[in-house]
Amino acid sequence: MKKSIILILFLLSFVTVFAQPAQSVEMADAFRSSGKIYVVIATIVIIFIGLAIYLFAIDRRLKKIEKEK
């Protein structure tokens, strides 16, 4: 019973977080209007691709080491 009351209180406290009015992000609007948003997206994509390649390389090395043992 006590756990369910605590759960209900937590759920009600999160309702106020979602009830806040939506605000426009000025920086995103400025990047979009000047066309720089594509540079930001390209940079993020390059970083994620680099991380993925790095993780796959580490995974391949670990598999090779595990096979040797």
PDB file of N, CA and C in Angstrom:
ATOM      1  N   MET A   1       0.818  -1.185   0.000  1.00  0.00           N
ATOM      2  CA  MET A   1       0.000   0.000   0.000  1.00  0.00           C
ATOM      3  C   MET A   1       0.871   1.262   0.000  1.00  0.00           C
ATOM      4  N   LYS A   2       1.929   1.224   0.806  1.00  0.00           N
ATOM      5  CA  LYS A   2       2.802   2.378   0.903  1.00  0.00           C
ATOM      6  C   LYS A   2       3.538   2.616  -0.408  1.00  0.00           C
ATOM      7  N   LYS A   3       3.918   1.523  -1.082  1.00  0.00           N
ATOM      8  CA  LYS A   3       4.617   1.661  -2.360  1.00  0.00           C
ATOM      9  C   LYS A   3       3.714   2.268  -3.425  1.00  0.00           C
ATOM     10  N   SER A   4       2.455   1.890  -3.418  1.00  0.00           N
ATOM     11  CA  SER A   4       1.536   2.432  -4.426  1.00  0.00           C
ATOM     12  C   SER A   4       1.278   3.920  -4.195  1.00  0.00           C
ATOM     13  N   ILE A   5       1.228   4.340  -2.947  1.00  0.00           N
ATOM     14  CA  ILE A   5       1.032   5.762  -2.650  1.00  0.00           C
ATOM     15  C   ILE A   5       2.247   6.564  -3.104  1.00  0.00           C
ATOM     16  N   ILE A   6       3.426   6.045  -2.854  1.00  0.00           N
ATOM     17  CA  ILE A   6       4.649   6.717  -3.283  1.00  0.00           C
ATOM     18  C   ILE A   6       4.698   6.791  -4.806  1.00  0.00           C
ATOM     19  N   LEU A   7       4.313   5.718  -5.474  1.00  0.00           N
ATOM     20  CA  LEU A   7       4.290   5.704  -6.925  1.00  0.00           C
ATOM     21  C   LEU A   7       3.329   6.749  -7.484  1.00  0.00           C
ATOM     22  N   ILE A   8       2.156   6.854  -6.900  1.00  0.00           N
ATOM     23  CA  ILE A   8       1.171   7.846  -7.341  1.00  0.00           C
ATOM     24  C   ILE A   8       1.698   9.267  -7.126  1.00  0.00           C
ATOM     25  N   LEU A   9       2.361   9.503  -6.008  1.00  0.00           N
ATOM     26  CA  LEU A   9       2.929  10.834  -5.745  1.00  0.00           C
ATOM     27  C   LEU A   9       4.007  11.179  -6.778  1.00  0.00           C
ATOM     28  N   PHE A  10       4.859  10.207  -7.112  1.00  0.00           N
ATOM     29  CA  PHE A  10       5.879  10.446  -8.126  1.00  0.00           C
ATOM     30  C   PHE A  10       5.255  10.742  -9.483  1.00  0.00           C
ATOM     31  N   LEU A  11       4.236   9.999  -9.852  1.00  0.00           N
ATOM     32  CA  LEU A  11       3.583  10.222 -11.134  1.00  0.00           C
ATOM     33  C   LEU A  11       2.925  11.592 -11.193  1.00  0.00           C
ATOM     34  N   LEU A  12       2.313  12.010 -10.103  1.00  0.00           N
ATOM     35  CA  LEU A  12       1.678  13.325 -10.071  1.00  0.00           C
ATOM     36  C   LEU A  12       2.711  14.448 -10.097  1.00  0.00           C
ATOM     37  N   SER A  13       3.873  14.224  -9.533  1.00  0.00           N
ATOM     38  CA  SER A  13       4.902  15.261  -9.561  1.00  0.00           C
ATOM     39  C   SER A  13       5.462  15.442 -10.971  1.00  0.00           C
ATOM     40  N   PHE A  14       5.455  14.397 -11.789  1.00  0.00           N
ATOM     41  CA  PHE A  14       5.963  14.513 -13.148  1.00  0.00           C
ATOM     42  C   PHE A  14       4.946  15.150 -14.090  1.00  0.00           C
ATOM     43  N   VAL A  15       3.686  15.185 -13.713  1.00  0.00           N
ATOM     44  CA  VAL A  15       2.664  15.815 -14.547  1.00  0.00           C
ATOM     45  C   VAL A  15       2.955  17.304 -14.678  1.00  0.00           C
ATOM     46  N   THR A  16       3.431  17.933 -13.616  1.00  0.00           N
ATOM     47  CA  THR A  16       3.709  19.362 -13.675  1.00  0.00           C
ATOM     48  C   THR A  16       4.881  19.666 -14.604  1.00  0.00           C
ATOM     49  N   VAL A  17       5.800  18.751 -14.743  1.00  0.00           N
ATOM     50  CA  VAL A  17       6.932  18.958 -15.639  1.00  0.00           C
ATOM     51  C   VAL A  17       6.461  18.990 -17.088  1.00  0.00           C
ATOM     52  N   PHE A  18       5.554  18.097 -17.453  1.00  0.00           N
ATOM     53  CA  PHE A  18       5.064  18.046 -18.817  1.00  0.00           C
ATOM     54  C   PHE A  18       4.033  19.124 -19.106  1.00  0.00           C
ATOM     55  N   ALA A  19       3.498  19.772 -18.096  1.00  0.00           N
ATOM     56  CA  ALA A  19       2.464  20.769 -18.290  1.00  0.00           C
ATOM     57  C   ALA A  19       3.026  22.153 -18.600  1.00  0.00           C
ATOM     58  N   GLN A  20       4.334  22.294 -18.646  1.00  0.00           N
ATOM     59  CA  GLN A  20       4.925  23.588 -18.924  1.00  0.00           C
ATOM     60  C   GLN A  20       4.720  23.953 -20.388  1.00  0.00           C
ATOM     61  N   PRO A  21       4.536  25.228 -20.683  1.00  0.00           N
ATOM     62  CA  PRO A  21       4.305  25.629 -22.075  1.00  0.00           C
ATOM     63  C   PRO A  21       5.559  25.433 -22.923  1.00  0.00           C
ATOM     64  N   ALA A  22       5.335  25.125 -24.185  1.00  0.00           N
ATOM     65  CA  ALA A  22       6.461  24.893 -25.099  1.00  0.00           C
ATOM     66  C   ALA A  22       7.110  26.224 -25.436  1.00  0.00           C
ATOM     67  N   GLN A  23       8.424  26.232 -25.407  1.00  0.00           N
ATOM     68  CA  GLN A  23       9.171  27.439 -25.733  1.00  0.00           C
ATOM     69  C   GLN A  23       9.983  27.168 -26.987  1.00  0.00           C
ATOM     70  N   SER A  24      10.076  28.157 -27.842  1.00  0.00           N
ATOM     71  CA  SER A  24      10.885  27.978 -29.043  1.00  0.00           C
ATOM     72  C   SER A  24      12.353  28.184 -28.678  1.00  0.00           C
ATOM     73  N   VAL A  25      13.198  27.434 -29.308  1.00  0.00           N
ATOM     74  CA  VAL A  25      14.628  27.523 -29.042  1.00  0.00           C
ATOM     75  C   VAL A  25      15.218  28.501 -30.055  1.00  0.00           C
ATOM     76  N   GLU A  26      15.693  29.625 -29.560  1.00  0.00           N
ATOM     77  CA  GLU A  26      16.179  30.685 -30.448  1.00  0.00           C
ATOM     78  C   GLU A  26      17.421  30.262 -31.218  1.00  0.00           C
ATOM     79  N   MET A  27      18.316  29.520 -30.558  1.00  0.00           N
ATOM     80  CA  MET A  27      19.548  29.122 -31.221  1.00  0.00           C
ATOM     81  C   MET A  27      19.248  28.199 -32.399  1.00  0.00           C
ATOM     82  N   ALA A  28      18.320  27.257 -32.216  1.00  0.00           N
ATOM     83  CA  ALA A  28      17.970  26.344 -33.299  1.00  0.00           C
ATOM     84  C   ALA A  28      17.326  27.102 -34.452  1.00  0.00           C
ATOM     85  N   ASP A  29      16.490  28.082 -34.136  1.00  0.00           N
ATOM     86  CA  ASP A  29      15.869  28.885 -35.187  1.00  0.00           C
ATOM     87  C   ASP A  29      16.917  29.681 -35.966  1.00  0.00           C
ATOM     88  N   ALA A  30      17.894  30.215 -35.251  1.00  0.00           N
ATOM     89  CA  ALA A  30      18.947  30.987 -35.917  1.00  0.00           C
ATOM     90  C   ALA A  30      19.792  30.087 -36.806  1.00  0.00           C
ATOM     91  N   PHE A  31      20.142  28.896 -36.321  1.00  0.00           N
ATOM     92  CA  PHE A  31      20.915  27.956 -37.140  1.00  0.00           C
ATOM     93  C   PHE A  31      20.135  27.531 -38.373  1.00  0.00           C
ATOM     94  N   ARG A  32      18.841  27.303 -38.204  1.00  0.00           N
ATOM     95  CA  ARG A  32      18.007  26.890 -39.328  1.00  0.00           C
ATOM     96  C   ARG A  32      17.892  27.998 -40.377  1.00  0.00           C
ATOM     97  N   SER A  33      17.719  29.213 -39.921  1.00  0.00           N
ATOM     98  CA  SER A  33      17.527  30.319 -40.857  1.00  0.00           C
ATOM     99  C   SER A  33      18.798  30.638 -41.632  1.00  0.00           C
ATOM    100  N   SER A  34      19.965  30.435 -41.019  1.00  0.00           N
ATOM    101  CA  SER A  34      21.216  30.736 -41.707  1.00  0.00           C
ATOM    102  C   SER A  34      21.793  29.521 -42.424  1.00  0.00           C
ATOM    103  N   GLY A  35      21.197  28.345 -42.253  1.00  0.00           N
ATOM    104  CA  GLY A  35      21.676  27.151 -42.942  1.00  0.00           C
ATOM    105  C   GLY A  35      22.804  26.442 -42.222  1.00  0.00           C
ATOM    106  N   LYS A  36      23.182  26.906 -41.039  1.00  0.00           N
ATOM    107  CA  LYS A  36      24.279  26.293 -40.301  1.00  0.00           C
ATOM    108  C   LYS A  36      23.857  25.014 -39.587  1.00  0.00           C
ATOM    109  N   ILE A  37      22.563  24.740 -39.550  1.00  0.00           N
ATOM    110  CA  ILE A  37      22.082  23.534 -38.867  1.00  0.00           C
ATOM    111  C   ILE A  37      22.639  22.290 -39.546  1.00  0.00           C
ATOM    112  N   TYR A  38      22.862  22.360 -40.851  1.00  0.00           N
ATOM    113  CA  TYR A  38      23.400  21.210 -41.577  1.00  0.00           C
ATOM    114  C   TYR A  38      24.846  20.925 -41.172  1.00  0.00           C
ATOM    115  N   VAL A  39      25.592  21.967 -40.858  1.00  0.00           N
ATOM    116  CA  VAL A  39      26.965  21.786 -40.376  1.00  0.00           C
ATOM    117  C   VAL A  39      26.951  21.104 -39.017  1.00  0.00           C
ATOM    118  N   VAL A  40      26.035  21.515 -38.157  1.00  0.00           N
ATOM    119  CA  VAL A  40      25.919  20.921 -36.826  1.00  0.00           C
ATOM    120  C   VAL A  40      25.527  19.448 -36.941  1.00  0.00           C
ATOM    121  N   ILE A  41      24.546  19.155 -37.787  1.00  0.00           N
ATOM    122  CA  ILE A  41      24.102  17.774 -37.967  1.00  0.00           C
ATOM    123  C   ILE A  41      25.212  16.927 -38.559  1.00  0.00           C
ATOM    124  N   ALA A  42      25.934  17.456 -39.544  1.00  0.00           N
ATOM    125  CA  ALA A  42      27.038  16.707 -40.152  1.00  0.00           C
ATOM    126  C   ALA A  42      28.130  16.411 -39.128  1.00  0.00           C
ATOM    127  N   THR A  43      28.425  17.372 -38.262  1.00  0.00           N
ATOM    128  CA  THR A  43      29.440  17.162 -37.225  1.00  0.00           C
ATOM    129  C   THR A  43      29.009  16.072 -36.257  1.00  0.00           C
ATOM    130  N   ILE A  44      27.758  16.093 -35.853  1.00  0.00           N
ATOM    131  CA  ILE A  44      27.248  15.070 -34.938  1.00  0.00           C
ATOM    132  C   ILE A  44      27.286  13.696 -35.590  1.00  0.00           C
ATOM    133  N   VAL A  45      26.902  13.619 -36.861  1.00  0.00           N
ATOM    134  CA  VAL A  45      26.924  12.340 -37.579  1.00  0.00           C
ATOM    135  C   VAL A  45      28.345  11.809 -37.693  1.00  0.00           C
ATOM    136  N   ILE A  46      29.297  12.670 -38.000  1.00  0.00           N
ATOM    137  CA  ILE A  46      30.698  12.245 -38.112  1.00  0.00           C
ATOM    138  C   ILE A  46      31.198  11.717 -36.768  1.00  0.00           C
ATOM    139  N   ILE A  47      30.860  12.387 -35.685  1.00  0.00           N
ATOM    140  CA  ILE A  47      31.295  11.933 -34.358  1.00  0.00           C
ATOM    141  C   ILE A  47      30.694  10.564 -34.038  1.00  0.00           C
ATOM    142  N   PHE A  48      29.395  10.376 -34.311  1.00  0.00           N
ATOM    143  CA  PHE A  48      28.765   9.083 -34.032  1.00  0.00           C
ATOM    144  C   PHE A  48      29.322   7.970 -34.905  1.00  0.00           C
ATOM    145  N   ILE A  49      29.609   8.262 -36.160  1.00  0.00           N
ATOM    146  CA  ILE A  49      30.200   7.246 -37.037  1.00  0.00           C
ATOM    147  C   ILE A  49      31.589   6.870 -36.538  1.00  0.00           C
ATOM    148  N   GLY A  50      32.358   7.868 -36.115  1.00  0.00           N
ATOM    149  CA  GLY A  50      33.684   7.593 -35.567  1.00  0.00           C
ATOM    150  C   GLY A  50      33.616   6.736 -34.311  1.00  0.00           C
ATOM    151  N   LEU A  51      32.676   7.035 -33.442  1.00  0.00           N
ATOM    152  CA  LEU A  51      32.505   6.222 -32.233  1.00  0.00           C
ATOM    153  C   LEU A  51      32.082   4.802 -32.569  1.00  0.00           C
ATOM    154  N   ALA A  52      31.194   4.649 -33.539  1.00  0.00           N
ATOM    155  CA  ALA A  52      30.743   3.313 -33.925  1.00  0.00           C
ATOM    156  C   ALA A  52      31.894   2.506 -34.492  1.00  0.00           C
ATOM    157  N   ILE A  53      32.690   3.110 -35.365  1.00  0.00           N
ATOM    158  CA  ILE A  53      33.848   2.405 -35.931  1.00  0.00           C
ATOM    159  C   ILE A  53      34.824   2.010 -34.832  1.00  0.00           C
ATOM    160  N   TYR A  54      35.067   2.923 -33.900  1.00  0.00           N
ATOM    161  CA  TYR A  54      35.974   2.634 -32.791  1.00  0.00           C
ATOM    162  C   TYR A  54      35.460   1.476 -31.943  1.00  0.00           C
ATOM    163  N   LEU A  55      34.168   1.469 -31.634  1.00  0.00           N
ATOM    164  CA  LEU A  55      33.606   0.398 -30.818  1.00  0.00           C
ATOM    165  C   LEU A  55      33.638  -0.942 -31.536  1.00  0.00           C
ATOM    166  N   PHE A  56      33.358  -0.958 -32.841  1.00  0.00           N
ATOM    167  CA  PHE A  56      33.431  -2.210 -33.589  1.00  0.00           C
ATOM    168  C   PHE A  56      34.863  -2.726 -33.669  1.00  0.00           C
ATOM    169  N   ALA A  57      35.830  -1.811 -33.786  1.00  0.00           N
ATOM    170  CA  ALA A  57      37.240  -2.227 -33.813  1.00  0.00           C
ATOM    171  C   ALA A  57      37.641  -2.843 -32.473  1.00  0.00           C
ATOM    172  N   ILE A  58      37.221  -2.235 -31.384  1.00  0.00           N
ATOM    173  CA  ILE A  58      37.523  -2.785 -30.059  1.00  0.00           C
ATOM    174  C   ILE A  58      36.862  -4.147 -29.888  1.00  0.00           C
ATOM    175  N   ASP A  59      35.618  -4.274 -30.343  1.00  0.00           N
ATOM    176  CA  ASP A  59      34.905  -5.543 -30.237  1.00  0.00           C
ATOM    177  C   ASP A  59      35.626  -6.630 -31.023  1.00  0.00           C
ATOM    178  N   ARG A  60      36.089  -6.286 -32.209  1.00  0.00           N
ATOM    179  CA  ARG A  60      36.811  -7.268 -33.026  1.00  0.00           C
ATOM    180  C   ARG A  60      38.100  -7.717 -32.331  1.00  0.00           C
ATOM    181  N   ARG A  61      38.820  -6.761 -31.743  1.00  0.00           N
ATOM    182  CA  ARG A  61      40.056  -7.107 -31.026  1.00  0.00           C
ATOM    183  C   ARG A  61      39.765  -7.997 -29.823  1.00  0.00           C
ATOM    184  N   LEU A  62      38.697  -7.679 -29.090  1.00  0.00           N
ATOM    185  CA  LEU A  62      38.352  -8.486 -27.920  1.00  0.00           C
ATOM    186  C   LEU A  62      37.965  -9.901 -28.326  1.00  0.00           C
ATOM    187  N   LYS A  63      37.236 -10.046 -29.412  1.00  0.00           N
ATOM    188  CA  LYS A  63      36.875 -11.391 -29.882  1.00  0.00           C
ATOM    189  C   LYS A  63      38.131 -12.177 -30.262  1.00  0.00           C
ATOM    190  N   LYS A  64      39.072 -11.499 -30.890  1.00  0.00           N
ATOM    191  CA  LYS A  64      40.333 -12.156 -31.281  1.00  0.00           C
ATOM    192  C   LYS A  64      41.103 -12.600 -30.042  1.00  0.00           C
ATOM    193  N   ILE A  65      41.167 -11.758 -29.024  1.00  0.00           N
ATOM    194  CA  ILE A  65      41.871 -12.112 -27.785  1.00  0.00           C
ATOM    195  C   ILE A  65      41.167 -13.257 -27.068  1.00  0.00           C
ATOM    196  N   GLU A  66      39.814 -13.254 -27.061  1.00  0.00           N
ATOM    197  CA  GLU A  66      39.079 -14.319 -26.394  1.00  0.00           C
ATOM    198  C   GLU A  66      39.275 -15.661 -27.117  1.00  0.00           C
ATOM    199  N   LYS A  67      39.391 -15.650 -28.427  1.00  0.00           N
ATOM    200  CA  LYS A  67      39.619 -16.896 -29.164  1.00  0.00           C
ATOM    201  C   LYS A  67      40.989 -17.468 -28.879  1.00  0.00           C
ATOM    202  N   GLU A  68      41.972 -16.603 -28.650  1.00  0.00           N
ATOM    203  CA  GLU A  68      43.326 -17.068 -28.375  1.00  0.00           C
ATOM    204  C   GLU A  68      43.419 -17.742 -27.023  1.00  0.00           C
ATOM    205  N   LYS A  69      42.611 -17.348 -26.078  1.00  0.00           N
ATOM    206  CA  LYS A  69      42.673 -17.914 -24.730  1.00  0.00           C
ATOM    207  C   LYS A  69      41.845 -19.123 -24.624  1.00  0.00           C
TER     208      LYS A  69
END
